Protein backbone atom coordinates (compact mmCIF):
# COMPACT_ATOMS: atom_id res chain seq x y z
CA UNK A 1 -0.22 -17.07 18.06
CA UNK A 2 2.00 -19.78 16.59
CA UNK A 3 4.71 -18.35 14.35
CA UNK A 4 6.00 -21.05 12.02
CA UNK A 5 8.82 -21.23 9.52
CA UNK A 6 10.02 -18.16 7.64
CA UNK A 7 8.27 -17.90 4.29
CA UNK A 8 9.48 -14.56 2.94
CA UNK A 9 11.38 -11.50 4.11
CA UNK A 10 10.75 -8.26 2.20
CA UNK A 11 12.02 -4.73 2.61
CA UNK A 12 9.92 -3.92 5.68
CA UNK A 13 7.84 -7.02 6.50
CA UNK A 14 8.59 -10.65 7.30
CA UNK A 15 6.06 -13.38 6.51
CA UNK A 16 5.85 -16.65 8.43
CA UNK A 17 3.78 -19.79 8.17
CA UNK A 18 1.21 -20.31 10.93
CA UNK A 19 -0.40 -23.36 12.52
CA UNK A 20 -3.06 -23.16 9.80
CA UNK A 21 -2.08 -23.82 6.15
CA UNK A 22 -4.40 -21.11 4.82
CA UNK A 23 -3.22 -18.38 7.21
CA UNK A 24 0.07 -16.49 7.50
CA UNK A 25 1.73 -14.32 10.13
CA UNK A 26 3.05 -10.96 8.91
CA UNK A 27 5.55 -9.06 11.06
CA UNK A 28 5.99 -5.34 10.35
CA UNK A 29 9.63 -4.39 10.97
CA UNK A 30 11.17 -1.01 11.74
CA UNK A 31 13.07 -1.03 8.43
CA UNK A 32 12.47 1.72 5.90
CA UNK A 33 13.86 1.81 2.36
CA UNK A 34 13.67 3.96 -0.74
CA UNK A 35 14.92 3.96 -4.32
CA UNK A 36 14.69 0.18 -4.82
CA UNK A 37 16.52 -0.41 -1.56
CA UNK A 38 19.32 2.04 -2.33
CA UNK A 39 18.50 3.97 0.84
CA UNK A 40 17.93 2.00 4.06
CA UNK A 41 17.42 2.78 7.73
CA UNK A 42 15.71 1.51 10.85
CA UNK A 43 13.30 3.77 12.71
CA UNK A 44 12.07 2.77 16.15
CA UNK A 45 8.28 2.36 16.20
CA UNK A 46 7.87 2.45 12.44
CA UNK A 47 6.69 -1.17 12.18
CA UNK A 48 4.00 -0.71 14.82
CA UNK A 49 2.86 2.53 13.20
CA UNK A 50 2.43 0.99 9.76
CA UNK A 51 0.80 -2.15 11.17
CA UNK A 52 -1.80 -0.16 13.09
CA UNK A 53 -2.60 2.10 10.13
CA UNK A 54 -2.83 -0.88 7.75
CA UNK A 55 -5.17 -2.77 10.09
CA UNK A 56 -7.40 0.28 10.52
CA UNK A 57 -7.64 0.93 6.79
CA UNK A 58 -8.20 -2.74 5.94
CA UNK A 59 -11.10 -2.78 8.41
CA UNK A 60 -12.46 0.45 6.93
CA UNK A 61 -12.37 -1.10 3.46
CA UNK A 62 -13.94 -4.35 4.68
CA UNK A 63 -16.86 -2.30 6.00
CA UNK A 64 -17.19 -0.80 2.51
CA UNK A 65 -17.44 -4.28 0.96
CA UNK A 66 -13.84 -4.67 -0.21
CA UNK A 67 -12.34 -8.06 0.69
CA UNK A 68 -8.87 -7.97 2.24
CA UNK A 69 -6.45 -10.55 3.61
CA UNK A 70 -6.67 -9.22 7.18
CA UNK A 71 -7.92 -11.65 9.83
CA UNK A 72 -6.79 -9.85 12.99
CA UNK A 73 -3.88 -8.19 14.75
CA UNK A 74 -1.92 -10.54 17.00
CA UNK A 75 0.18 -7.83 18.66
CA UNK A 76 1.16 -4.23 17.81
CA UNK A 77 3.50 -5.27 14.98
CA UNK A 78 2.01 -8.59 13.91
CA UNK A 79 -0.93 -9.31 11.62
CA UNK A 80 -2.63 -12.63 10.90
CA UNK A 81 -3.77 -12.78 7.29
CA UNK A 82 -5.34 -15.13 4.79
CA UNK A 83 -2.77 -16.83 2.62
CA UNK A 84 -2.91 -15.40 -0.89
CA UNK A 85 -1.16 -16.24 -4.14
CA UNK A 86 0.06 -12.74 -4.82
CA UNK A 87 -0.10 -11.26 -8.32
CA UNK A 88 3.25 -9.52 -9.04
CA UNK A 89 1.65 -6.21 -9.93
CA UNK A 90 1.41 -2.84 -8.21
CA UNK A 91 -1.85 -1.07 -8.96
CA UNK A 92 -1.38 2.67 -8.53
CA UNK A 93 -4.24 5.15 -8.32
CA UNK A 94 -3.41 8.81 -8.79
CA UNK A 95 -5.69 11.71 -7.84
CA UNK A 96 -3.04 14.38 -8.30
CA UNK A 97 0.24 14.58 -10.20
CA UNK A 98 3.31 13.85 -8.13
CA UNK A 99 6.42 11.70 -8.25
CA UNK A 100 7.22 9.64 -11.31
CA UNK A 101 4.21 10.75 -13.34
CA UNK A 102 5.56 14.33 -13.22
CA UNK A 103 9.06 13.17 -14.13
CA UNK A 104 7.86 11.07 -17.07
CA UNK A 105 4.97 13.11 -18.48
CA UNK A 106 4.16 16.82 -18.97
CA UNK A 107 2.03 17.22 -15.83
CA UNK A 108 2.46 19.94 -13.22
CA UNK A 109 3.27 18.94 -9.63
CA UNK A 110 0.02 18.92 -7.68
CA UNK A 111 -2.21 19.01 -10.75
CA UNK A 112 -5.63 17.56 -9.92
CA UNK A 113 -6.89 14.95 -12.36
CA UNK A 114 -10.53 15.21 -13.43
CA UNK A 115 -10.83 11.46 -12.94
CA UNK A 116 -8.35 9.23 -11.09
CA UNK A 117 -5.60 7.68 -13.20
CA UNK A 118 -4.96 3.96 -12.71
CA UNK A 119 -1.47 2.74 -13.56
CA UNK A 120 -0.14 -0.82 -13.28
CA UNK A 121 3.52 -1.64 -12.69
CA UNK A 122 5.22 -5.03 -12.93
CA UNK A 123 6.63 -5.78 -9.47
CA UNK A 124 10.34 -6.48 -9.99
CA UNK A 125 13.05 -4.38 -8.36
CA UNK A 126 15.70 -5.65 -10.75
CA UNK A 127 13.70 -4.08 -13.60
CA UNK A 128 12.76 -1.03 -11.50
CA UNK A 129 9.03 -1.97 -11.50
CA UNK A 130 8.29 -1.04 -15.14
CA UNK A 131 4.85 0.13 -16.17
CA UNK A 132 2.86 -2.66 -17.79
CA UNK A 133 -0.29 -2.64 -19.94
CA UNK A 134 -3.23 -5.04 -20.03
CA UNK A 135 -2.00 -6.94 -23.08
CA UNK A 136 1.38 -7.65 -21.49
CA UNK A 137 -0.31 -8.74 -18.25
CA UNK A 138 -2.38 -11.24 -20.22
CA UNK A 139 0.59 -12.38 -22.32
CA UNK A 140 2.57 -13.10 -19.13
CA UNK A 141 -0.36 -15.12 -17.79
CA UNK A 142 -0.69 -12.98 -14.67
CA UNK A 143 -4.41 -12.18 -14.99
CA UNK A 144 -7.29 -12.64 -17.39
CA UNK A 145 -8.90 -9.60 -18.95
CA UNK A 146 -11.88 -10.05 -16.62
CA UNK A 147 -9.59 -10.22 -13.59
CA UNK A 148 -7.86 -7.02 -14.69
CA UNK A 149 -11.25 -5.31 -14.80
CA UNK A 150 -12.10 -6.65 -11.31
CA UNK A 151 -8.83 -5.36 -9.85
CA UNK A 152 -9.13 -1.92 -11.45
CA UNK A 153 -12.72 -1.59 -10.24
CA UNK A 154 -11.60 -2.56 -6.73
CA UNK A 155 -8.72 -0.05 -6.85
CA UNK A 156 -11.09 2.78 -7.78
CA UNK A 157 -13.50 1.80 -5.00
CA UNK A 158 -10.60 1.74 -2.53
CA UNK A 159 -9.65 5.21 -3.76
CA UNK A 160 -13.16 6.52 -3.23
CA UNK A 161 -13.32 5.20 0.34
CA UNK A 162 -9.84 6.31 1.37
CA UNK A 163 -10.02 9.72 -0.32
CA UNK A 164 -13.21 10.59 1.57
CA UNK A 165 -11.77 9.31 4.85
CA UNK A 166 -8.56 11.30 4.58
CA UNK A 167 -10.37 14.47 3.58
CA UNK A 168 -12.23 14.23 6.89
CA UNK A 169 -8.95 14.29 8.81
CA UNK A 170 -7.37 17.13 6.83
CA UNK A 171 -5.28 15.14 4.37
CA UNK A 172 -5.33 14.85 0.58
CA UNK A 173 -4.81 11.36 -0.84
CA UNK A 174 -2.51 12.20 -3.73
CA UNK A 175 -1.84 8.61 -4.83
CA UNK A 176 -1.35 5.11 -3.46
CA UNK A 177 -0.36 1.63 -4.54
CA UNK A 178 -2.08 -1.63 -3.69
CA UNK A 179 -1.40 -5.29 -4.36
CA UNK A 180 -3.83 -8.16 -4.83
CA UNK A 181 -3.71 -11.93 -4.54
CA UNK A 182 -5.85 -14.97 -5.20
CA UNK A 183 -7.63 -16.85 -2.44
CA UNK A 184 -9.45 -19.70 -4.12
CA UNK A 185 -11.78 -18.12 -6.67
CA UNK A 186 -11.60 -14.69 -5.03
CA UNK A 187 -9.16 -11.84 -5.57
CA UNK A 188 -8.40 -10.05 -2.30
CA UNK A 189 -6.51 -6.92 -1.34
CA UNK A 190 -3.22 -7.90 0.30
CA UNK A 191 0.14 -6.49 1.38
CA UNK A 192 -0.38 -3.25 3.36
CA UNK A 193 -1.83 0.25 3.14
CA UNK A 194 0.29 2.66 5.13
CA UNK A 195 2.37 5.81 4.87
CA UNK A 196 4.94 3.68 3.02
CA UNK A 197 2.49 2.99 0.18
CA UNK A 198 0.52 6.26 -0.03
CA UNK A 199 1.32 9.84 -0.84
CA UNK A 200 -0.54 12.11 1.58
CA UNK A 201 -0.43 15.90 1.66
CA UNK A 202 -1.69 18.12 4.41
CA UNK A 203 -4.70 19.98 3.07
CA UNK A 204 -3.92 23.59 2.25
CA UNK A 205 -0.15 23.43 2.79
CA UNK A 206 0.66 20.39 0.55
CA UNK A 207 3.13 19.30 3.24
CA UNK A 208 4.24 15.69 2.76
CA UNK A 209 2.85 13.29 5.37
CA UNK A 210 4.24 10.05 3.99
CA UNK A 211 7.39 8.22 2.91
CA UNK A 212 8.48 11.17 0.76
CA UNK A 213 9.65 12.72 4.02
CA UNK A 214 12.22 9.91 4.18
CA UNK A 215 12.96 9.75 0.45
CA UNK A 216 13.80 13.41 0.12
CA UNK A 217 14.89 14.38 3.64
CA UNK A 218 11.90 16.61 4.32
CA UNK A 219 11.91 16.27 8.11
CA UNK A 220 11.45 13.82 10.97
CA UNK A 221 9.97 10.63 9.53
CA UNK A 222 8.59 9.13 12.73
CA UNK A 223 7.16 12.46 13.82
CA UNK A 224 5.30 12.56 10.50
CA UNK A 225 4.13 8.93 10.66
CA UNK A 226 2.96 9.40 14.25
CA UNK A 227 1.04 12.55 13.31
CA UNK A 228 -0.87 10.62 10.61
CA UNK A 229 -1.50 7.73 13.01
CA UNK A 230 -2.83 10.11 15.65
CA UNK A 231 -5.24 11.70 13.19
CA UNK A 232 -6.50 8.28 12.17
CA UNK A 233 -6.90 7.13 15.79
CA UNK A 234 -8.85 10.26 16.71
CA UNK A 235 -11.21 9.50 13.81
């Protein structure tokens, strides 16, 4: 592995150039944040945990026909990926009501939706990631209407694959967010899929098994993340 110049440092990952212009090196750090960075900590082993879960789920989705940016893992915290031009949108799929959708709309916590709800947010911490509709996306020149349809279809397929997988290991996929980017003429799934970007509840108890444990002080974060990782590895 040849780690080149620093390209970008986010809240929990650092991205470097590689020896190949169309590939990047992504390092998962032990940082954890919440509330637009208002709460910050470092948790030993967190980067490796999220990297391993992300790699596993990317591979699972690749097998289901969903293109991702993953090339391979270089070490326990480092991923080699295809270089994407990221679209500054968070695509959120909700199977049950939790979090902001309960705060903003008259849903009941835990309410199961008859069909998944797809929500798109504009990725900008300074604006607190506001919800955005298709017309605004097009007006900003972020995507064409056809590309919006492609991304939403991909998000629903990702939901179908992940929901079934987690059910098999005793977890309910409440909601998750994904990000996409362009690679030539293709739109690929990028960023990560981990306990930081999903809301998982233990089946039957509705116990949080995700970043909400950190957000709201619900217990030992690394104990929770490790428990999810162990279930995934056993599968």
